[in-house]
Structures are given as C-alpha cells and as structure tokens.
C-alpha cells in the first residue's frame, strides 16, 4: 500500500479514458525494457544463478526455476491463459509484506528477481512482477497498465495490474487482494487514480478523461526498477 491522491472517477466512467489513452502519442519507450526476454531470462547465466542462490538460498532458486519454466512453457498460449497462470503463480507463491518490514524503506519497488528471491513484497511488487512476466511471455504491453487505485475496503492506496485486449474493453484486474481475475466493473471496492507502463503515465481525471503525464515520483521509481533489472542487481530482504 502507498500514499497517493484520491480520484473521484469510477470504473465505468474510466472507459472513455481508456479509449483516449490508447490514442495518445507515447513518449519514447524506455530502452531498458525493449528486450524483456534478454533482461529477465538471458541474463540469468550460471554466475547469476550462483550469486542468487548465495543471497536467497536453495528454495528461492527452485522458485526462480519454476518462474523461468512458467515463462518458457507458456509463450505460445493465448492471453487469457497467460493472465491466469501468471496471476496464480504470484498470488499462490508469494506473501504480502510491507516495505518497512521487508526492505526497511518507506517505498521500495522490488524487481521480479528480488520479489521471487525474497518470497515477499507489497502490492507494487506483485503488480510489477506480473507485468514483467507477461511482457517476457511476449504479451503486447499496450494491453497492460499498472494502475494505482484506492482500495475502499482498506481505505488505502493500492496498485493492481489491468489488462484490456482492446481500448474500448472493460479492463480485467489482476490483484493480490482478490485471487480471481475479474472485470473492473465487478471491482466496486477499487477506485482508480492513475495508470502507467513503459510508454508513459496517465492520470485518471473526472469524467474519465486521461491526461498524459511525466515527471512524477512514481515514474522515477519506475525508471529505477527498470535500471536494476537491466543491470541484474538485487539485494537481500530483512
């Protein structure tokens, strides 16, 4: 959970925003995520695996191998199969831990490697890991957004991953709070704030209009986690 502004829009009102967002000319795509397979799989050489095991242990290494098989065995599946398998893998294998407890930081975005290795993280870590795993499977990232929402049942800001096959479609929500993937219109417990991916950041405004943004704190964190993925960096959790 994170602290972010509250928006007054609802999911149904967001549909015109999704259509508009799809038409916005994107900023230059971050070079660091141009080749997800290279970053998330090819860089995991023998030396990397040895270092990973020293830091996180043998059980974590087996978990990493299961994750690699998940990607490699499902690249040719359709989007729905990929969504279900990735959502289940992380929701069933990982535990929710706050950044303060896990990383001794107020707001730390873990890479998928750090998340898998430490077997824990908060909502951002679940969402980022799902996003990058689906990207590594070859899913079109234009269909994916990381979205900040207000989790009304907890009165907390929260992050989820959303998927839309077409801009006009009601997005599907992949969430660590609810195991089942549901259409956004069935998630009355969530109020959207803004969303982003490698092509930019969009702010959810009243009447469902989407305003393209940059130079926000969350984008700086996004750039940071991308850089750590590219460099193959990871650290031990508490």
C-alpha atoms as a PDB file:
ATOM      1  CA  UNK A   1       0.000   0.000   0.000  1.00  0.00           C
ATOM      2  CA  UNK A   2       1.164   3.525  -0.795  1.00  0.00           C
ATOM      3  CA  UNK A   3       0.033   7.060  -0.153  1.00  0.00           C
ATOM      4  CA  UNK A   4      -1.416   8.738  -3.274  1.00  0.00           C
ATOM      5  CA  UNK A   5      -4.145  11.271  -4.078  1.00  0.00           C
ATOM      6  CA  UNK A   6      -7.743  10.085  -4.268  1.00  0.00           C
ATOM      7  CA  UNK A   7      -9.634  10.348  -7.568  1.00  0.00           C
ATOM      8  CA  UNK A   8     -13.397  10.753  -7.886  1.00  0.00           C
ATOM      9  CA  UNK A   9     -13.868   8.631 -11.012  1.00  0.00           C
ATOM     10  CA  UNK A  10     -15.342   5.137 -11.121  1.00  0.00           C
ATOM     11  CA  UNK A  11     -14.525   2.192 -13.411  1.00  0.00           C
ATOM     12  CA  UNK A  12     -17.472   2.731 -15.749  1.00  0.00           C
ATOM     13  CA  UNK A  13     -16.515   6.359 -16.193  1.00  0.00           C
ATOM     14  CA  UNK A  14     -12.989   5.226 -16.992  1.00  0.00           C
ATOM     15  CA  UNK A  15     -13.991   3.546 -20.288  1.00  0.00           C
ATOM     16  CA  UNK A  16     -13.755   6.743 -22.387  1.00  0.00           C
ATOM     17  CA  UNK A  17     -10.412   7.367 -20.700  1.00  0.00           C
ATOM     18  CA  UNK A  18      -9.076   4.004 -21.881  1.00  0.00           C
ATOM     19  CA  UNK A  19     -10.140   4.809 -25.431  1.00  0.00           C
ATOM     20  CA  UNK A  20      -8.485   8.234 -25.244  1.00  0.00           C
ATOM     21  CA  UNK A  21      -5.311   6.911 -23.629  1.00  0.00           C
ATOM     22  CA  UNK A  22      -4.839   4.474 -26.488  1.00  0.00           C
ATOM     23  CA  UNK A  23      -4.735   7.389 -28.934  1.00  0.00           C
ATOM     24  CA  UNK A  24      -2.195   9.462 -27.052  1.00  0.00           C
ATOM     25  CA  UNK A  25       1.172   9.622 -28.833  1.00  0.00           C
ATOM     26  CA  UNK A  26       3.542   7.819 -26.482  1.00  0.00           C
ATOM     27  CA  UNK A  27       6.868   9.123 -25.262  1.00  0.00           C
ATOM     28  CA  UNK A  28       9.963   7.275 -26.432  1.00  0.00           C
ATOM     29  CA  UNK A  29       9.797   3.763 -24.994  1.00  0.00           C
ATOM     30  CA  UNK A  30      12.391   3.175 -22.332  1.00  0.00           C
ATOM     31  CA  UNK A  31      15.348   1.391 -23.924  1.00  0.00           C
ATOM     32  CA  UNK A  32      15.808  -0.734 -20.847  1.00  0.00           C
ATOM     33  CA  UNK A  33      12.586  -2.651 -21.461  1.00  0.00           C
ATOM     34  CA  UNK A  34      12.932  -3.093 -25.198  1.00  0.00           C
ATOM     35  CA  UNK A  35      14.104  -6.706 -24.845  1.00  0.00           C
ATOM     36  CA  UNK A  36      12.341  -8.263 -21.841  1.00  0.00           C
ATOM     37  CA  UNK A  37      13.464 -11.823 -22.570  1.00  0.00           C
ATOM     38  CA  UNK A  38      17.095 -10.766 -22.536  1.00  0.00           C
ATOM     39  CA  UNK A  39      16.699  -8.943 -19.263  1.00  0.00           C
ATOM     40  CA  UNK A  40      14.589 -11.448 -17.406  1.00  0.00           C
ATOM     41  CA  UNK A  41      15.950 -14.730 -18.761  1.00  0.00           C
ATOM     42  CA  UNK A  42      19.111 -14.492 -20.856  1.00  0.00           C
ATOM     43  CA  UNK A  43      20.950 -12.511 -18.194  1.00  0.00           C
ATOM     44  CA  UNK A  44      20.325 -15.323 -15.702  1.00  0.00           C
ATOM     45  CA  UNK A  45      23.543 -17.146 -16.510  1.00  0.00           C
ATOM     46  CA  UNK A  46      25.432 -19.627 -14.328  1.00  0.00           C
ATOM     47  CA  UNK A  47      27.213 -16.897 -12.399  1.00  0.00           C
ATOM     48  CA  UNK A  48      23.915 -15.105 -11.782  1.00  0.00           C
ATOM     49  CA  UNK A  49      22.275 -18.292 -10.506  1.00  0.00           C
ATOM     50  CA  UNK A  50      25.175 -18.940  -8.141  1.00  0.00           C
ATOM     51  CA  UNK A  51      25.006 -15.420  -6.753  1.00  0.00           C
ATOM     52  CA  UNK A  52      21.203 -15.586  -6.478  1.00  0.00           C
ATOM     53  CA  UNK A  53      21.429 -18.850  -4.518  1.00  0.00           C
ATOM     54  CA  UNK A  54      24.061 -17.429  -2.169  1.00  0.00           C
ATOM     55  CA  UNK A  55      21.814 -14.473  -1.383  1.00  0.00           C
ATOM     56  CA  UNK A  56      18.400 -16.136  -1.223  1.00  0.00           C
ATOM     57  CA  UNK A  57      19.026 -19.881  -0.727  1.00  0.00           C
ATOM     58  CA  UNK A  58      18.152 -23.139  -2.479  1.00  0.00           C
ATOM     59  CA  UNK A  59      14.375 -22.873  -2.012  1.00  0.00           C
ATOM     60  CA  UNK A  60      14.416 -19.473  -3.691  1.00  0.00           C
ATOM     61  CA  UNK A  61      16.485 -20.885  -6.540  1.00  0.00           C
ATOM     62  CA  UNK A  62      13.865 -23.595  -7.135  1.00  0.00           C
ATOM     63  CA  UNK A  63      11.204 -20.873  -7.129  1.00  0.00           C
ATOM     64  CA  UNK A  64      13.235 -18.946  -9.715  1.00  0.00           C
ATOM     65  CA  UNK A  65      13.430 -22.057 -11.899  1.00  0.00           C
ATOM     66  CA  UNK A  66       9.645 -22.518 -11.682  1.00  0.00           C
ATOM     67  CA  UNK A  67       9.202 -18.913 -12.763  1.00  0.00           C
ATOM     68  CA  UNK A  68      11.504 -19.406 -15.766  1.00  0.00           C
ATOM     69  CA  UNK A  69       9.544 -22.514 -16.777  1.00  0.00           C
ATOM     70  CA  UNK A  70       6.294 -20.575 -16.407  1.00  0.00           C
ATOM     71  CA  UNK A  71       7.556 -18.071 -18.981  1.00  0.00           C
ATOM     72  CA  UNK A  72       9.119 -20.532 -21.402  1.00  0.00           C
ATOM     73  CA  UNK A  73       6.293 -23.091 -21.330  1.00  0.00           C
ATOM     74  CA  UNK A  74       3.514 -20.569 -21.931  1.00  0.00           C
ATOM     75  CA  UNK A  75       4.852 -18.184 -24.566  1.00  0.00           C
ATOM     76  CA  UNK A  76       2.593 -19.709 -27.223  1.00  0.00           C
ATOM     77  CA  UNK A  77      -0.575 -19.662 -25.103  1.00  0.00           C
ATOM     78  CA  UNK A  78      -3.339 -17.128 -25.634  1.00  0.00           C
ATOM     79  CA  UNK A  79      -3.565 -14.022 -23.457  1.00  0.00           C
ATOM     80  CA  UNK A  80      -6.195 -15.414 -21.120  1.00  0.00           C
ATOM     81  CA  UNK A  81      -4.126 -18.493 -20.285  1.00  0.00           C
ATOM     82  CA  UNK A  82      -1.063 -16.326 -19.680  1.00  0.00           C
ATOM     83  CA  UNK A  83      -3.017 -13.980 -17.418  1.00  0.00           C
ATOM     84  CA  UNK A  84      -4.453 -16.819 -15.319  1.00  0.00           C
ATOM     85  CA  UNK A  85      -1.153 -18.675 -14.961  1.00  0.00           C
ATOM     86  CA  UNK A  86       0.886 -15.609 -14.063  1.00  0.00           C
ATOM     87  CA  UNK A  87      -1.715 -14.295 -11.636  1.00  0.00           C
ATOM     88  CA  UNK A  88      -1.958 -17.682  -9.917  1.00  0.00           C
ATOM     89  CA  UNK A  89       1.813 -18.168  -9.758  1.00  0.00           C
ATOM     90  CA  UNK A  90       2.444 -14.982  -7.821  1.00  0.00           C
ATOM     91  CA  UNK A  91      -0.714 -14.939  -5.707  1.00  0.00           C
ATOM     92  CA  UNK A  92      -0.170 -18.535  -4.582  1.00  0.00           C
ATOM     93  CA  UNK A  93       3.632 -18.467  -4.186  1.00  0.00           C
ATOM     94  CA  UNK A  94       4.334 -15.097  -2.623  1.00  0.00           C
ATOM     95  CA  UNK A  95       3.403 -13.408   0.634  1.00  0.00           C
ATOM     96  CA  UNK A  96       2.399  -9.817   1.275  1.00  0.00           C
ATOM     97  CA  UNK A  97       4.960  -7.898   3.365  1.00  0.00           C
ATOM     98  CA  UNK A  98       5.184  -4.133   3.798  1.00  0.00           C
ATOM     99  CA  UNK A  99       8.236  -2.290   2.500  1.00  0.00           C
ATOM    100  CA  UNK A 100       9.086  -1.096   6.003  1.00  0.00           C
ATOM    101  CA  UNK A 101       9.206  -4.660   7.300  1.00  0.00           C
ATOM    102  CA  UNK A 102      10.714  -6.289   4.237  1.00  0.00           C
ATOM    103  CA  UNK A 103      13.187  -3.714   2.896  1.00  0.00           C
ATOM    104  CA  UNK A 104      13.447  -1.219   5.768  1.00  0.00           C
ATOM    105  CA  UNK A 105      12.365   1.520   3.357  1.00  0.00           C
ATOM    106  CA  UNK A 106       9.215   3.582   3.141  1.00  0.00           C
ATOM    107  CA  UNK A 107       8.540   2.736  -0.514  1.00  0.00           C
ATOM    108  CA  UNK A 108      10.769   0.264  -2.373  1.00  0.00           C
ATOM    109  CA  UNK A 109       9.868  -1.217  -5.758  1.00  0.00           C
ATOM    110  CA  UNK A 110      11.442  -4.671  -5.975  1.00  0.00           C
ATOM    111  CA  UNK A 111      12.468  -6.203  -9.276  1.00  0.00           C
ATOM    112  CA  UNK A 112      10.835  -9.552 -10.139  1.00  0.00           C
ATOM    113  CA  UNK A 113      14.122 -11.234  -9.179  1.00  0.00           C
ATOM    114  CA  UNK A 114      14.131  -9.621  -5.741  1.00  0.00           C
ATOM    115  CA  UNK A 115      10.448 -10.399  -5.260  1.00  0.00           C
ATOM    116  CA  UNK A 116      10.867 -14.069  -6.207  1.00  0.00           C
ATOM    117  CA  UNK A 117      14.081 -14.425  -4.235  1.00  0.00           C
ATOM    118  CA  UNK A 118      12.727 -12.940  -1.016  1.00  0.00           C
ATOM    119  CA  UNK A 119       9.256 -14.517  -1.485  1.00  0.00           C
ATOM    120  CA  UNK A 120       7.531 -11.363  -0.339  1.00  0.00           C
ATOM    121  CA  UNK A 121       6.578  -7.830  -1.176  1.00  0.00           C
ATOM    122  CA  UNK A 122       3.741  -5.347  -1.277  1.00  0.00           C
ATOM    123  CA  UNK A 123       1.136  -4.561  -3.924  1.00  0.00           C
ATOM    124  CA  UNK A 124       3.603  -2.793  -6.220  1.00  0.00           C
ATOM    125  CA  UNK A 125       5.878  -5.826  -6.201  1.00  0.00           C
ATOM    126  CA  UNK A 126       3.029  -8.211  -7.083  1.00  0.00           C
ATOM    127  CA  UNK A 127       1.895  -5.930  -9.913  1.00  0.00           C
ATOM    128  CA  UNK A 128       5.371  -5.271 -11.320  1.00  0.00           C
ATOM    129  CA  UNK A 129       6.272  -8.965 -11.273  1.00  0.00           C
ATOM    130  CA  UNK A 130       3.079  -9.856 -13.149  1.00  0.00           C
ATOM    131  CA  UNK A 131       3.647  -7.070 -15.681  1.00  0.00           C
ATOM    132  CA  UNK A 132       7.237  -8.031 -16.491  1.00  0.00           C
ATOM    133  CA  UNK A 133       6.451 -11.742 -16.562  1.00  0.00           C
ATOM    134  CA  UNK A 134       3.638 -11.243 -19.070  1.00  0.00           C
ATOM    135  CA  UNK A 135       5.917  -8.984 -21.101  1.00  0.00           C
ATOM    136  CA  UNK A 136       8.606 -11.662 -21.096  1.00  0.00           C
ATOM    137  CA  UNK A 137       5.977 -14.110 -22.387  1.00  0.00           C
ATOM    138  CA  UNK A 138       5.522 -11.855 -25.391  1.00  0.00           C
ATOM    139  CA  UNK A 139       2.299 -10.127 -24.417  1.00  0.00           C
ATOM    140  CA  UNK A 140       1.712  -6.757 -26.071  1.00  0.00           C
ATOM    141  CA  UNK A 141       2.318  -4.184 -23.338  1.00  0.00           C
ATOM    142  CA  UNK A 142      -0.206  -1.856 -24.953  1.00  0.00           C
ATOM    143  CA  UNK A 143      -2.767  -4.180 -23.353  1.00  0.00           C
ATOM    144  CA  UNK A 144      -1.257  -3.765 -19.878  1.00  0.00           C
ATOM    145  CA  UNK A 145      -1.230  -0.930 -17.353  1.00  0.00           C
ATOM    146  CA  UNK A 146      -0.043  -0.705 -13.781  1.00  0.00           C
ATOM    147  CA  UNK A 147      -2.791   1.210 -12.030  1.00  0.00           C
ATOM    148  CA  UNK A 148      -2.895   2.968  -8.702  1.00  0.00           C
ATOM    149  CA  UNK A 149      -6.311   2.643  -7.103  1.00  0.00           C
ATOM    150  CA  UNK A 150      -7.950   3.308  -3.789  1.00  0.00           C
ATOM    151  CA  UNK A 151      -8.767   0.030  -2.022  1.00  0.00           C
ATOM    152  CA  UNK A 152     -12.003   1.188  -0.413  1.00  0.00           C
ATOM    153  CA  UNK A 153     -12.352  -1.775   1.954  1.00  0.00           C
ATOM    154  CA  UNK A 154      -8.991  -0.897   3.498  1.00  0.00           C
ATOM    155  CA  UNK A 155      -9.088   2.879   2.886  1.00  0.00           C
ATOM    156  CA  UNK A 156      -5.589   2.589   1.430  1.00  0.00           C
ATOM    157  CA  UNK A 157      -3.910   3.390  -1.864  1.00  0.00           C
ATOM    158  CA  UNK A 158      -3.094   0.201  -3.733  1.00  0.00           C
ATOM    159  CA  UNK A 159      -1.618  -0.985  -7.037  1.00  0.00           C
ATOM    160  CA  UNK A 160      -3.077  -3.547  -9.452  1.00  0.00           C
ATOM    161  CA  UNK A 161      -2.292  -4.709 -12.978  1.00  0.00           C
ATOM    162  CA  UNK A 162      -5.017  -4.197 -15.570  1.00  0.00           C
ATOM    163  CA  UNK A 163      -5.425  -5.829 -18.981  1.00  0.00           C
ATOM    164  CA  UNK A 164      -7.536  -4.703 -21.946  1.00  0.00           C
ATOM    165  CA  UNK A 165      -7.455  -6.621 -25.213  1.00  0.00           C
ATOM    166  CA  UNK A 166      -8.876  -3.546 -26.957  1.00  0.00           C
ATOM    167  CA  UNK A 167      -9.014   0.042 -25.674  1.00  0.00           C
ATOM    168  CA  UNK A 168     -12.827   0.031 -25.591  1.00  0.00           C
ATOM    169  CA  UNK A 169     -12.991  -3.132 -23.463  1.00  0.00           C
ATOM    170  CA  UNK A 170     -13.664  -3.127 -19.750  1.00  0.00           C
ATOM    171  CA  UNK A 171     -10.234  -3.940 -18.279  1.00  0.00           C
ATOM    172  CA  UNK A 172      -9.535  -7.094 -16.310  1.00  0.00           C
ATOM    173  CA  UNK A 173      -7.945  -6.630 -12.879  1.00  0.00           C
ATOM    174  CA  UNK A 174      -5.061  -8.770 -11.596  1.00  0.00           C
ATOM    175  CA  UNK A 175      -4.797  -8.150  -7.878  1.00  0.00           C
ATOM    176  CA  UNK A 176      -3.087  -9.712  -4.875  1.00  0.00           C
ATOM    177  CA  UNK A 177      -6.081  -8.883  -2.637  1.00  0.00           C
ATOM    178  CA  UNK A 178      -8.534 -10.927  -4.728  1.00  0.00           C
ATOM    179  CA  UNK A 179      -7.203 -14.145  -6.260  1.00  0.00           C
ATOM    180  CA  UNK A 180      -9.720 -14.285  -9.112  1.00  0.00           C
ATOM    181  CA  UNK A 181      -9.232 -12.123 -12.218  1.00  0.00           C
ATOM    182  CA  UNK A 182     -12.376 -10.008 -12.552  1.00  0.00           C
ATOM    183  CA  UNK A 183     -13.614  -7.256 -14.868  1.00  0.00           C
ATOM    184  CA  UNK A 184     -13.047  -3.823 -13.401  1.00  0.00           C
ATOM    185  CA  UNK A 185     -16.808  -3.210 -13.320  1.00  0.00           C
ATOM    186  CA  UNK A 186     -17.046  -6.035 -10.744  1.00  0.00           C
ATOM    187  CA  UNK A 187     -14.436  -4.431  -8.504  1.00  0.00           C
ATOM    188  CA  UNK A 188     -16.564  -1.847  -6.756  1.00  0.00           C
ATOM    189  CA  UNK A 189     -14.024  -1.931  -3.929  1.00  0.00           C
ATOM    190  CA  UNK A 190     -11.445  -0.154  -6.125  1.00  0.00           C
ATOM    191  CA  UNK A 191     -11.390   3.480  -7.230  1.00  0.00           C
ATOM    192  CA  UNK A 192      -8.833   4.285  -9.993  1.00  0.00           C
ATOM    193  CA  UNK A 193      -6.298   7.090  -9.606  1.00  0.00           C
ATOM    194  CA  UNK A 194      -3.763   6.814 -12.432  1.00  0.00           C
ATOM    195  CA  UNK A 195      -2.013   4.197 -14.548  1.00  0.00           C
ATOM    196  CA  UNK A 196       1.261   3.812 -16.401  1.00  0.00           C
ATOM    197  CA  UNK A 197       3.576   1.472 -18.265  1.00  0.00           C
ATOM    198  CA  UNK A 198       6.834   1.828 -20.205  1.00  0.00           C
ATOM    199  CA  UNK A 199       5.221   4.229 -22.666  1.00  0.00           C
ATOM    200  CA  UNK A 200       4.092   6.779 -20.120  1.00  0.00           C
ATOM    201  CA  UNK A 201       1.841   7.830 -17.293  1.00  0.00           C
ATOM    202  CA  UNK A 202      -1.843   8.706 -17.454  1.00  0.00           C
ATOM    203  CA  UNK A 203      -3.841  10.496 -14.777  1.00  0.00           C
ATOM    204  CA  UNK A 204      -7.450   9.499 -14.196  1.00  0.00           C
ATOM    205  CA  UNK A 205      -9.491  12.700 -14.197  1.00  0.00           C
ATOM    206  CA  UNK A 206     -13.145  13.490 -13.665  1.00  0.00           C
ATOM    207  CA  UNK A 207     -15.481  12.319 -16.459  1.00  0.00           C
ATOM    208  CA  UNK A 208     -12.981   9.644 -17.421  1.00  0.00           C
ATOM    209  CA  UNK A 209     -10.549  11.812 -19.362  1.00  0.00           C
ATOM    210  CA  UNK A 210      -6.952  10.681 -19.383  1.00  0.00           C
ATOM    211  CA  UNK A 211      -4.150  13.231 -19.208  1.00  0.00           C
ATOM    212  CA  UNK A 212      -0.668  12.137 -20.247  1.00  0.00           C
ATOM    213  CA  UNK A 213       1.913  12.959 -17.606  1.00  0.00           C
ATOM    214  CA  UNK A 214       5.603  12.609 -16.835  1.00  0.00           C
ATOM    215  CA  UNK A 215       7.921  13.888 -14.129  1.00  0.00           C
ATOM    216  CA  UNK A 216       6.047  12.149 -11.318  1.00  0.00           C
ATOM    217  CA  UNK A 217       7.567  10.367  -8.354  1.00  0.00           C
ATOM    218  CA  UNK A 218       6.249   7.016  -9.435  1.00  0.00           C
ATOM    219  CA  UNK A 219       7.885   7.385 -12.851  1.00  0.00           C
ATOM    220  CA  UNK A 220      11.243   7.949 -11.154  1.00  0.00           C
ATOM    221  CA  UNK A 221      10.685   4.720  -9.236  1.00  0.00           C
ATOM    222  CA  UNK A 222       9.720   3.001 -12.485  1.00  0.00           C
ATOM    223  CA  UNK A 223      12.962   4.156 -14.136  1.00  0.00           C
ATOM    224  CA  UNK A 224      14.908   2.956 -11.100  1.00  0.00           C
ATOM    225  CA  UNK A 225      13.440  -0.549 -11.122  1.00  0.00           C
ATOM    226  CA  UNK A 226      13.985  -0.778 -14.896  1.00  0.00           C
ATOM    227  CA  UNK A 227      17.639   0.112 -14.418  1.00  0.00           C
ATOM    228  CA  UNK A 228      18.116  -2.511 -11.721  1.00  0.00           C
ATOM    229  CA  UNK A 229      16.502  -5.144 -13.958  1.00  0.00           C
ATOM    230  CA  UNK A 230      18.803  -4.174 -16.819  1.00  0.00           C
ATOM    231  CA  UNK A 231      21.889  -4.376 -14.614  1.00  0.00           C
ATOM    232  CA  UNK A 232      20.777  -7.619 -12.959  1.00  0.00           C
ATOM    233  CA  UNK A 233      21.013  -6.091  -9.492  1.00  0.00           C
ATOM    234  CA  UNK A 234      19.260  -7.469  -6.442  1.00  0.00           C
ATOM    235  CA  UNK A 235      19.510  -7.219  -2.700  1.00  0.00           C
ATOM    236  CA  UNK A 236      18.553  -9.262   0.330  1.00  0.00           C
ATOM    237  CA  UNK A 237      15.363  -8.518   2.237  1.00  0.00           C
ATOM    238  CA  UNK A 238      15.030  -8.497   6.007  1.00  0.00           C
END
